[in-house]
Amino acid sequence: MVYASSILLADDEYSFRESTAELLRGDGYRCDAACDGHAALELLRAGSYDLVIADICMPGNLNLEFVEEIAKTAPGMPVVLVTGYPSTETAISSIHLPVAAYMTKPLPYEGLRRRLETILADSQPWRTLARVREQLRQCVEELDRLQQGGDPGTVRQRNARPRVPLVTLRALGGCVAELVAMEAAADPGRSMARTCELLECPRLPYQRNVLRGAVQLLNETKRRFKSKELAEVRGMLETLLKESL
């Protein structure tokens, strides 16, 4: 599942805020910008983000209160602090907060971009878990409504069978797909067949039978149709069949 990372940028310096936001969007990130800590906190509570870039010397964050609220509102959210006025006091204060990087202005965009790539890559599994957890919470709420008979004012019909909404089924499938992809990334040697076994894919036995039939047919005809290409196809199918056992 392709997922574009979402970044919240909070800075009261107009030129830095707008130019950096545009550069991030040009690199494929989703980026919302806020002019101070108060506006940024409203966006954070209303939306979903993977990382926050926050200026220190801006209204609403002069004492790192915005960063402290991030830790409460979105636990585990990585924060990149930027400032044109670095100080030992703010650096020490940030140690106890979810600050992934402390960078000083003027800030070359390439340096910021590389740092963001590293932070986002390192936090990807945790962000995936948080996203899946939220999707599952919404699915559970929908299943609870079904179990309770739908709307509170609706009388449940006798012997009526609940119908799970397609959007809920797709959300559940998406959750499984994201978790399997995360597991595959942690174990690059895991084959697709092993993934199917993990999911107890009901089509796996059928697929194995199709592969066996194709290999058998190619073996029976290899003397009549001597072809290097067909031999390569047979070899690939045999490898795939072995991996699926």
C-alpha atoms as a PDB file:
ATOM      1  CA  MET A   1       0.000   0.000   0.000  1.00  0.00           C
ATOM      2  CA  VAL A   2       1.482   3.315  -1.108  1.00  0.00           C
ATOM      3  CA  TYR A   3       1.334   5.884   1.625  1.00  0.00           C
ATOM      4  CA  ALA A   4       2.574   9.496   1.321  1.00  0.00           C
ATOM      5  CA  SER A   5       4.050  10.744   4.579  1.00  0.00           C
ATOM      6  CA  SER A   6       2.216  13.698   6.083  1.00  0.00           C
ATOM      7  CA  ILE A   7       4.147  16.531   7.732  1.00  0.00           C
ATOM      8  CA  LEU A   8       2.933  19.392   9.919  1.00  0.00           C
ATOM      9  CA  LEU A   9       5.160  22.467   9.673  1.00  0.00           C
ATOM     10  CA  ALA A  10       4.764  25.175  12.322  1.00  0.00           C
ATOM     11  CA  ASP A  11       6.821  28.364  11.997  1.00  0.00           C
ATOM     12  CA  ASP A  12       6.009  32.061  12.337  1.00  0.00           C
ATOM     13  CA  GLU A  13       8.626  33.032   9.738  1.00  0.00           C
ATOM     14  CA  TYR A  14       6.543  33.332   6.568  1.00  0.00           C
ATOM     15  CA  SER A  15       9.293  32.856   3.968  1.00  0.00           C
ATOM     16  CA  PHE A  16      10.763  29.766   5.643  1.00  0.00           C
ATOM     17  CA  ARG A  17       7.325  28.251   6.306  1.00  0.00           C
ATOM     18  CA  GLU A  18       5.893  28.687   2.829  1.00  0.00           C
ATOM     19  CA  SER A  19       9.038  27.867   0.843  1.00  0.00           C
ATOM     20  CA  THR A  20       9.799  24.754   2.900  1.00  0.00           C
ATOM     21  CA  ALA A  21       6.187  23.552   2.668  1.00  0.00           C
ATOM     22  CA  GLU A  22       6.257  23.921  -1.132  1.00  0.00           C
ATOM     23  CA  LEU A  23       9.561  22.068  -1.409  1.00  0.00           C
ATOM     24  CA  LEU A  24       8.235  19.226   0.736  1.00  0.00           C
ATOM     25  CA  ARG A  25       5.093  18.973  -1.392  1.00  0.00           C
ATOM     26  CA  GLY A  26       7.273  18.925  -4.490  1.00  0.00           C
ATOM     27  CA  ASP A  27       9.100  15.937  -3.024  1.00  0.00           C
ATOM     28  CA  GLY A  28       5.816  14.051  -2.618  1.00  0.00           C
ATOM     29  CA  TYR A  29       5.042  14.769   1.028  1.00  0.00           C
ATOM     30  CA  ARG A  30       1.655  15.953   2.218  1.00  0.00           C
ATOM     31  CA  CYS A  31       2.369  19.113   4.177  1.00  0.00           C
ATOM     32  CA  ASP A  32       0.164  21.457   6.209  1.00  0.00           C
ATOM     33  CA  ALA A  33       1.623  24.721   7.504  1.00  0.00           C
ATOM     34  CA  ALA A  34       0.717  26.764  10.588  1.00  0.00           C
ATOM     35  CA  CYS A  35       1.973  30.192  11.668  1.00  0.00           C
ATOM     36  CA  ASP A  36       2.159  29.454  15.404  1.00  0.00           C
ATOM     37  CA  GLY A  37       1.860  26.728  18.022  1.00  0.00           C
ATOM     38  CA  HIS A  38      -1.842  27.359  18.672  1.00  0.00           C
ATOM     39  CA  ALA A  39      -2.874  26.909  15.026  1.00  0.00           C
ATOM     40  CA  ALA A  40      -0.555  23.914  14.694  1.00  0.00           C
ATOM     41  CA  LEU A  41      -2.132  22.234  17.703  1.00  0.00           C
ATOM     42  CA  GLU A  42      -5.595  22.621  16.172  1.00  0.00           C
ATOM     43  CA  LEU A  43      -4.377  20.987  12.956  1.00  0.00           C
ATOM     44  CA  LEU A  44      -2.690  18.209  14.922  1.00  0.00           C
ATOM     45  CA  ARG A  45      -5.885  17.414  16.824  1.00  0.00           C
ATOM     46  CA  ALA A  46      -8.013  17.479  13.672  1.00  0.00           C
ATOM     47  CA  GLY A  47      -5.696  15.610  11.299  1.00  0.00           C
ATOM     48  CA  SER A  48      -3.228  12.762  11.049  1.00  0.00           C
ATOM     49  CA  TYR A  49       0.487  13.383  10.657  1.00  0.00           C
ATOM     50  CA  ASP A  50       3.692  11.361  10.594  1.00  0.00           C
ATOM     51  CA  LEU A  51       6.107  14.078  11.676  1.00  0.00           C
ATOM     52  CA  VAL A  52       6.098  17.652  13.012  1.00  0.00           C
ATOM     53  CA  ILE A  53       8.582  20.396  12.204  1.00  0.00           C
ATOM     54  CA  ALA A  54       8.316  23.149  14.821  1.00  0.00           C
ATOM     55  CA  ASP A  55      10.108  26.431  15.320  1.00  0.00           C
ATOM     56  CA  ILE A  56      11.100  27.146  18.915  1.00  0.00           C
ATOM     57  CA  CYS A  57      10.821  30.937  18.992  1.00  0.00           C
ATOM     58  CA  MET A  58       7.239  31.296  17.809  1.00  0.00           C
ATOM     59  CA  PRO A  59       4.003  32.142  19.639  1.00  0.00           C
ATOM     60  CA  GLY A  60       2.606  29.089  21.367  1.00  0.00           C
ATOM     61  CA  ASN A  61       5.957  27.339  21.690  1.00  0.00           C
ATOM     62  CA  LEU A  62       8.295  29.798  23.421  1.00  0.00           C
ATOM     63  CA  ASN A  63       8.602  27.395  26.355  1.00  0.00           C
ATOM     64  CA  LEU A  64       8.222  24.257  24.206  1.00  0.00           C
ATOM     65  CA  GLU A  65       4.568  24.021  25.294  1.00  0.00           C
ATOM     66  CA  PHE A  66       3.492  23.019  21.770  1.00  0.00           C
ATOM     67  CA  VAL A  67       6.005  20.154  21.744  1.00  0.00           C
ATOM     68  CA  GLU A  68       4.762  19.087  25.172  1.00  0.00           C
ATOM     69  CA  GLU A  69       1.203  18.995  23.802  1.00  0.00           C
ATOM     70  CA  ILE A  70       2.372  16.869  20.871  1.00  0.00           C
ATOM     71  CA  ALA A  71       3.576  14.244  23.335  1.00  0.00           C
ATOM     72  CA  LYS A  72       0.098  14.193  24.901  1.00  0.00           C
ATOM     73  CA  THR A  73      -2.007  14.470  21.736  1.00  0.00           C
ATOM     74  CA  ALA A  74       0.027  12.176  19.461  1.00  0.00           C
ATOM     75  CA  PRO A  75       2.315   9.970  21.584  1.00  0.00           C
ATOM     76  CA  GLY A  76       5.375   8.799  19.675  1.00  0.00           C
ATOM     77  CA  MET A  77       5.104  11.501  16.998  1.00  0.00           C
ATOM     78  CA  PRO A  78       8.674  12.454  15.944  1.00  0.00           C
ATOM     79  CA  VAL A  79       9.420  16.183  16.165  1.00  0.00           C
ATOM     80  CA  VAL A  80      12.111  18.182  14.397  1.00  0.00           C
ATOM     81  CA  LEU A  81      12.895  21.418  16.226  1.00  0.00           C
ATOM     82  CA  VAL A  82      14.292  24.305  14.175  1.00  0.00           C
ATOM     83  CA  THR A  83      15.520  27.627  15.475  1.00  0.00           C
ATOM     84  CA  GLY A  84      17.483  30.672  14.466  1.00  0.00           C
ATOM     85  CA  TYR A  85      18.444  31.269  18.084  1.00  0.00           C
ATOM     86  CA  PRO A  86      19.958  28.039  19.460  1.00  0.00           C
ATOM     87  CA  SER A  87      20.568  27.870  23.177  1.00  0.00           C
ATOM     88  CA  THR A  88      21.800  25.325  25.663  1.00  0.00           C
ATOM     89  CA  GLU A  89      18.596  25.749  27.672  1.00  0.00           C
ATOM     90  CA  THR A  90      16.260  24.743  24.840  1.00  0.00           C
ATOM     91  CA  ALA A  91      18.556  21.895  23.780  1.00  0.00           C
ATOM     92  CA  ILE A  92      18.527  20.465  27.302  1.00  0.00           C
ATOM     93  CA  SER A  93      14.749  20.933  27.646  1.00  0.00           C
ATOM     94  CA  SER A  94      14.129  19.069  24.379  1.00  0.00           C
ATOM     95  CA  ILE A  95      15.954  15.965  25.640  1.00  0.00           C
ATOM     96  CA  HIS A  96      12.920  14.973  27.708  1.00  0.00           C
ATOM     97  CA  LEU A  97      10.514  15.535  24.791  1.00  0.00           C
ATOM     98  CA  PRO A  98       9.858  13.498  21.595  1.00  0.00           C
ATOM     99  CA  VAL A  99      12.450  15.494  19.646  1.00  0.00           C
ATOM    100  CA  ALA A 100      14.104  13.492  16.868  1.00  0.00           C
ATOM    101  CA  ALA A 101      16.354  16.323  15.651  1.00  0.00           C
ATOM    102  CA  TYR A 102      17.452  19.817  16.695  1.00  0.00           C
ATOM    103  CA  MET A 103      18.436  21.945  13.687  1.00  0.00           C
ATOM    104  CA  THR A 104      19.528  25.564  13.377  1.00  0.00           C
ATOM    105  CA  LYS A 105      18.672  28.179  10.764  1.00  0.00           C
ATOM    106  CA  PRO A 106      19.621  29.084   8.130  1.00  0.00           C
ATOM    107  CA  LEU A 107      18.670  25.565   7.173  1.00  0.00           C
ATOM    108  CA  PRO A 108      19.658  24.134   3.755  1.00  0.00           C
ATOM    109  CA  TYR A 109      16.672  22.241   2.397  1.00  0.00           C
ATOM    110  CA  GLU A 110      18.735  19.241   1.279  1.00  0.00           C
ATOM    111  CA  GLY A 111      20.023  18.745   4.802  1.00  0.00           C
ATOM    112  CA  LEU A 112      16.501  18.932   6.195  1.00  0.00           C
ATOM    113  CA  ARG A 113      15.172  16.538   3.567  1.00  0.00           C
ATOM    114  CA  ARG A 114      17.833  13.909   4.288  1.00  0.00           C
ATOM    115  CA  ARG A 115      17.177  14.167   8.014  1.00  0.00           C
ATOM    116  CA  LEU A 116      13.422  13.775   7.471  1.00  0.00           C
ATOM    117  CA  GLU A 117      13.956  10.711   5.271  1.00  0.00           C
ATOM    118  CA  THR A 118      16.018   9.049   7.999  1.00  0.00           C
ATOM    119  CA  ILE A 119      13.557   9.888  10.781  1.00  0.00           C
ATOM    120  CA  LEU A 120      10.529   8.766   8.776  1.00  0.00           C
ATOM    121  CA  ALA A 121      12.228   5.515   7.767  1.00  0.00           C
ATOM    122  CA  ASP A 122      13.159   4.749  11.371  1.00  0.00           C
ATOM    123  CA  SER A 123       9.645   5.516  12.638  1.00  0.00           C
ATOM    124  CA  GLN A 124       7.792   3.778   9.795  1.00  0.00           C
ATOM    125  CA  PRO A 125       6.897   0.550  11.685  1.00  0.00           C
ATOM    126  CA  TRP A 126       5.549   2.498  14.659  1.00  0.00           C
ATOM    127  CA  ARG A 127       3.556   4.821  12.417  1.00  0.00           C
ATOM    128  CA  THR A 128       2.120   1.806  10.600  1.00  0.00           C
ATOM    129  CA  LEU A 129       1.047   0.243  13.892  1.00  0.00           C
ATOM    130  CA  ALA A 130      -0.578   3.493  15.020  1.00  0.00           C
ATOM    131  CA  ARG A 131      -2.426   3.849  11.703  1.00  0.00           C
ATOM    132  CA  VAL A 132      -3.599   0.224  11.728  1.00  0.00           C
ATOM    133  CA  ARG A 133      -4.665   0.533  15.364  1.00  0.00           C
ATOM    134  CA  GLU A 134      -6.837   3.540  14.521  1.00  0.00           C
ATOM    135  CA  GLN A 135      -8.388   1.769  11.525  1.00  0.00           C
ATOM    136  CA  LEU A 136      -9.118  -1.290  13.652  1.00  0.00           C
ATOM    137  CA  ARG A 137     -10.706   0.907  16.322  1.00  0.00           C
ATOM    138  CA  GLN A 138     -13.088   2.312  13.713  1.00  0.00           C
ATOM    139  CA  CYS A 139     -13.860  -1.193  12.434  1.00  0.00           C
ATOM    140  CA  VAL A 140     -14.613  -2.405  15.968  1.00  0.00           C
ATOM    141  CA  GLU A 141     -17.004   0.519  16.448  1.00  0.00           C
ATOM    142  CA  GLU A 142     -18.817  -0.453  13.247  1.00  0.00           C
ATOM    143  CA  LEU A 143     -19.019  -4.111  14.311  1.00  0.00           C
ATOM    144  CA  ASP A 144     -20.368  -3.030  17.712  1.00  0.00           C
ATOM    145  CA  ARG A 145     -23.124  -1.104  15.945  1.00  0.00           C
ATOM    146  CA  LEU A 146     -23.975  -4.186  13.895  1.00  0.00           C
ATOM    147  CA  GLN A 147     -24.064  -6.388  16.976  1.00  0.00           C
ATOM    148  CA  GLN A 148     -26.356  -3.933  18.710  1.00  0.00           C
ATOM    149  CA  GLY A 149     -28.761  -3.966  15.789  1.00  0.00           C
ATOM    150  CA  GLY A 150     -27.781  -0.849  13.884  1.00  0.00           C
ATOM    151  CA  ASP A 151     -29.302   2.473  14.844  1.00  0.00           C
ATOM    152  CA  PRO A 152     -30.617   2.731  18.412  1.00  0.00           C
ATOM    153  CA  GLY A 153     -34.152   3.457  17.154  1.00  0.00           C
ATOM    154  CA  THR A 154     -34.249   0.473  14.820  1.00  0.00           C
ATOM    155  CA  VAL A 155     -35.975  -2.729  15.948  1.00  0.00           C
ATOM    156  CA  ARG A 156     -33.893  -5.777  15.092  1.00  0.00           C
ATOM    157  CA  GLN A 157     -35.787  -8.161  12.829  1.00  0.00           C
ATOM    158  CA  ARG A 158     -36.113 -11.729  13.949  1.00  0.00           C
ATOM    159  CA  ASN A 159     -33.427 -14.027  12.487  1.00  0.00           C
ATOM    160  CA  ALA A 160     -31.985 -11.064  10.560  1.00  0.00           C
ATOM    161  CA  ARG A 161     -28.333 -11.541   9.621  1.00  0.00           C
ATOM    162  CA  PRO A 162     -26.005  -8.556   9.967  1.00  0.00           C
ATOM    163  CA  ARG A 163     -24.312  -7.366   6.785  1.00  0.00           C
ATOM    164  CA  VAL A 164     -20.813  -6.048   7.272  1.00  0.00           C
ATOM    165  CA  PRO A 165     -20.367  -2.875   5.155  1.00  0.00           C
ATOM    166  CA  LEU A 166     -17.968  -3.242   2.249  1.00  0.00           C
ATOM    167  CA  VAL A 167     -15.972  -0.258   3.474  1.00  0.00           C
ATOM    168  CA  THR A 168     -15.375  -2.059   6.786  1.00  0.00           C
ATOM    169  CA  LEU A 169     -14.257  -5.241   5.021  1.00  0.00           C
ATOM    170  CA  ARG A 170     -11.881  -3.221   2.856  1.00  0.00           C
ATOM    171  CA  ALA A 171     -10.512  -1.434   5.917  1.00  0.00           C
ATOM    172  CA  LEU A 172      -9.858  -4.758   7.628  1.00  0.00           C
ATOM    173  CA  GLY A 173      -8.178  -6.077   4.488  1.00  0.00           C
ATOM    174  CA  GLY A 174      -6.063  -2.939   4.348  1.00  0.00           C
ATOM    175  CA  CYS A 175      -4.989  -3.442   7.955  1.00  0.00           C
ATOM    176  CA  VAL A 176      -3.885  -6.999   7.231  1.00  0.00           C
ATOM    177  CA  ALA A 177      -2.068  -5.892   4.064  1.00  0.00           C
ATOM    178  CA  GLU A 178      -0.151  -3.183   5.946  1.00  0.00           C
ATOM    179  CA  LEU A 179       0.877  -5.554   8.730  1.00  0.00           C
ATOM    180  CA  VAL A 180       1.979  -8.232   6.245  1.00  0.00           C
ATOM    181  CA  ALA A 181       3.967  -5.629   4.290  1.00  0.00           C
ATOM    182  CA  MET A 182       5.619  -4.497   7.511  1.00  0.00           C
ATOM    183  CA  GLU A 183       6.522  -8.095   8.351  1.00  0.00           C
ATOM    184  CA  ALA A 184       7.862  -8.667   4.836  1.00  0.00           C
ATOM    185  CA  ALA A 185      10.042  -5.552   5.134  1.00  0.00           C
ATOM    186  CA  ALA A 186      11.454  -6.898   8.402  1.00  0.00           C
ATOM    187  CA  ASP A 187      12.114 -10.271   6.746  1.00  0.00           C
ATOM    188  CA  PRO A 188      12.979  -9.689   3.044  1.00  0.00           C
ATOM    189  CA  GLY A 189      13.466 -13.426   2.549  1.00  0.00           C
ATOM    190  CA  ARG A 190       9.782 -14.130   3.183  1.00  0.00           C
ATOM    191  CA  SER A 191       8.166 -15.291  -0.060  1.00  0.00           C
ATOM    192  CA  MET A 192       4.634 -14.481  -1.189  1.00  0.00           C
ATOM    193  CA  ALA A 193       3.719 -18.119  -0.618  1.00  0.00           C
ATOM    194  CA  ARG A 194       4.767 -17.813   3.021  1.00  0.00           C
ATOM    195  CA  THR A 195       2.622 -14.695   3.263  1.00  0.00           C
ATOM    196  CA  CYS A 196      -0.354 -16.640   1.896  1.00  0.00           C
ATOM    197  CA  GLU A 197       0.283 -19.340   4.477  1.00  0.00           C
ATOM    198  CA  LEU A 198       0.406 -16.687   7.177  1.00  0.00           C
ATOM    199  CA  LEU A 199      -3.022 -15.455   6.052  1.00  0.00           C
ATOM    200  CA  GLU A 200      -4.258 -19.039   5.523  1.00  0.00           C
ATOM    201  CA  CYS A 201      -5.181 -18.030   1.990  1.00  0.00           C
ATOM    202  CA  PRO A 202      -8.055 -20.302   0.819  1.00  0.00           C
ATOM    203  CA  ARG A 203      -6.864 -20.114  -2.796  1.00  0.00           C
ATOM    204  CA  LEU A 204      -3.405 -21.492  -2.022  1.00  0.00           C
ATOM    205  CA  PRO A 205      -4.281 -25.195  -2.575  1.00  0.00           C
ATOM    206  CA  TYR A 206      -5.941 -24.329  -5.889  1.00  0.00           C
ATOM    207  CA  GLN A 207      -2.918 -22.313  -6.996  1.00  0.00           C
ATOM    208  CA  ARG A 208      -0.605 -25.212  -6.123  1.00  0.00           C
ATOM    209  CA  ASN A 209      -2.690 -27.600  -8.224  1.00  0.00           C
ATOM    210  CA  VAL A 210      -2.584 -25.197 -11.171  1.00  0.00           C
ATOM    211  CA  LEU A 211       1.198 -24.935 -10.863  1.00  0.00           C
ATOM    212  CA  ARG A 212       1.583 -28.722 -10.669  1.00  0.00           C
ATOM    213  CA  GLY A 213      -0.576 -29.139 -13.794  1.00  0.00           C
ATOM    214  CA  ALA A 214       1.410 -26.547 -15.722  1.00  0.00           C
ATOM    215  CA  VAL A 215       4.751 -28.130 -14.752  1.00  0.00           C
ATOM    216  CA  GLN A 216       3.498 -31.600 -15.659  1.00  0.00           C
ATOM    217  CA  LEU A 217       2.278 -30.403 -19.063  1.00  0.00           C
ATOM    218  CA  LEU A 218       5.599 -28.733 -19.824  1.00  0.00           C
ATOM    219  CA  ASN A 219       7.500 -31.855 -18.773  1.00  0.00           C
ATOM    220  CA  GLU A 220       5.350 -34.073 -21.028  1.00  0.00           C
ATOM    221  CA  THR A 221       5.845 -31.835 -24.050  1.00  0.00           C
ATOM    222  CA  LYS A 222       9.488 -30.809 -23.612  1.00  0.00           C
ATOM    223  CA  ARG A 223      10.668 -33.496 -26.080  1.00  0.00           C
ATOM    224  CA  ARG A 224       8.215 -32.376 -28.784  1.00  0.00           C
ATOM    225  CA  PHE A 225       8.719 -28.669 -28.210  1.00  0.00           C
ATOM    226  CA  LYS A 226      12.382 -28.051 -27.538  1.00  0.00           C
ATOM    227  CA  SER A 227      12.534 -24.427 -26.542  1.00  0.00           C
ATOM    228  CA  LYS A 228      14.905 -22.566 -24.266  1.00  0.00           C
ATOM    229  CA  GLU A 229      12.140 -20.130 -23.354  1.00  0.00           C
ATOM    230  CA  LEU A 230       9.718 -22.903 -22.365  1.00  0.00           C
ATOM    231  CA  ALA A 231      12.451 -24.537 -20.289  1.00  0.00           C
ATOM    232  CA  GLU A 232      12.969 -21.256 -18.450  1.00  0.00           C
ATOM    233  CA  VAL A 233       9.232 -20.960 -17.829  1.00  0.00           C
ATOM    234  CA  ARG A 234       9.165 -24.542 -16.520  1.00  0.00           C
ATOM    235  CA  GLY A 235      12.084 -23.778 -14.208  1.00  0.00           C
ATOM    236  CA  MET A 236      10.374 -20.680 -12.819  1.00  0.00           C
ATOM    237  CA  LEU A 237       7.131 -22.572 -12.204  1.00  0.00           C
ATOM    238  CA  GLU A 238       8.984 -25.407 -10.482  1.00  0.00           C
ATOM    239  CA  THR A 239      10.778 -22.906  -8.219  1.00  0.00           C
ATOM    240  CA  LEU A 240       7.489 -21.196  -7.394  1.00  0.00           C
ATOM    241  CA  LEU A 241       5.875 -24.553  -6.637  1.00  0.00           C
ATOM    242  CA  LYS A 242       8.718 -25.556  -4.292  1.00  0.00           C
ATOM    243  CA  GLU A 243       8.436 -22.265  -2.438  1.00  0.00           C
ATOM    244  CA  SER A 244       4.700 -22.782  -1.930  1.00  0.00           C
ATOM    245  CA  LEU A 245       5.095 -26.186  -0.242  1.00  0.00           C
END
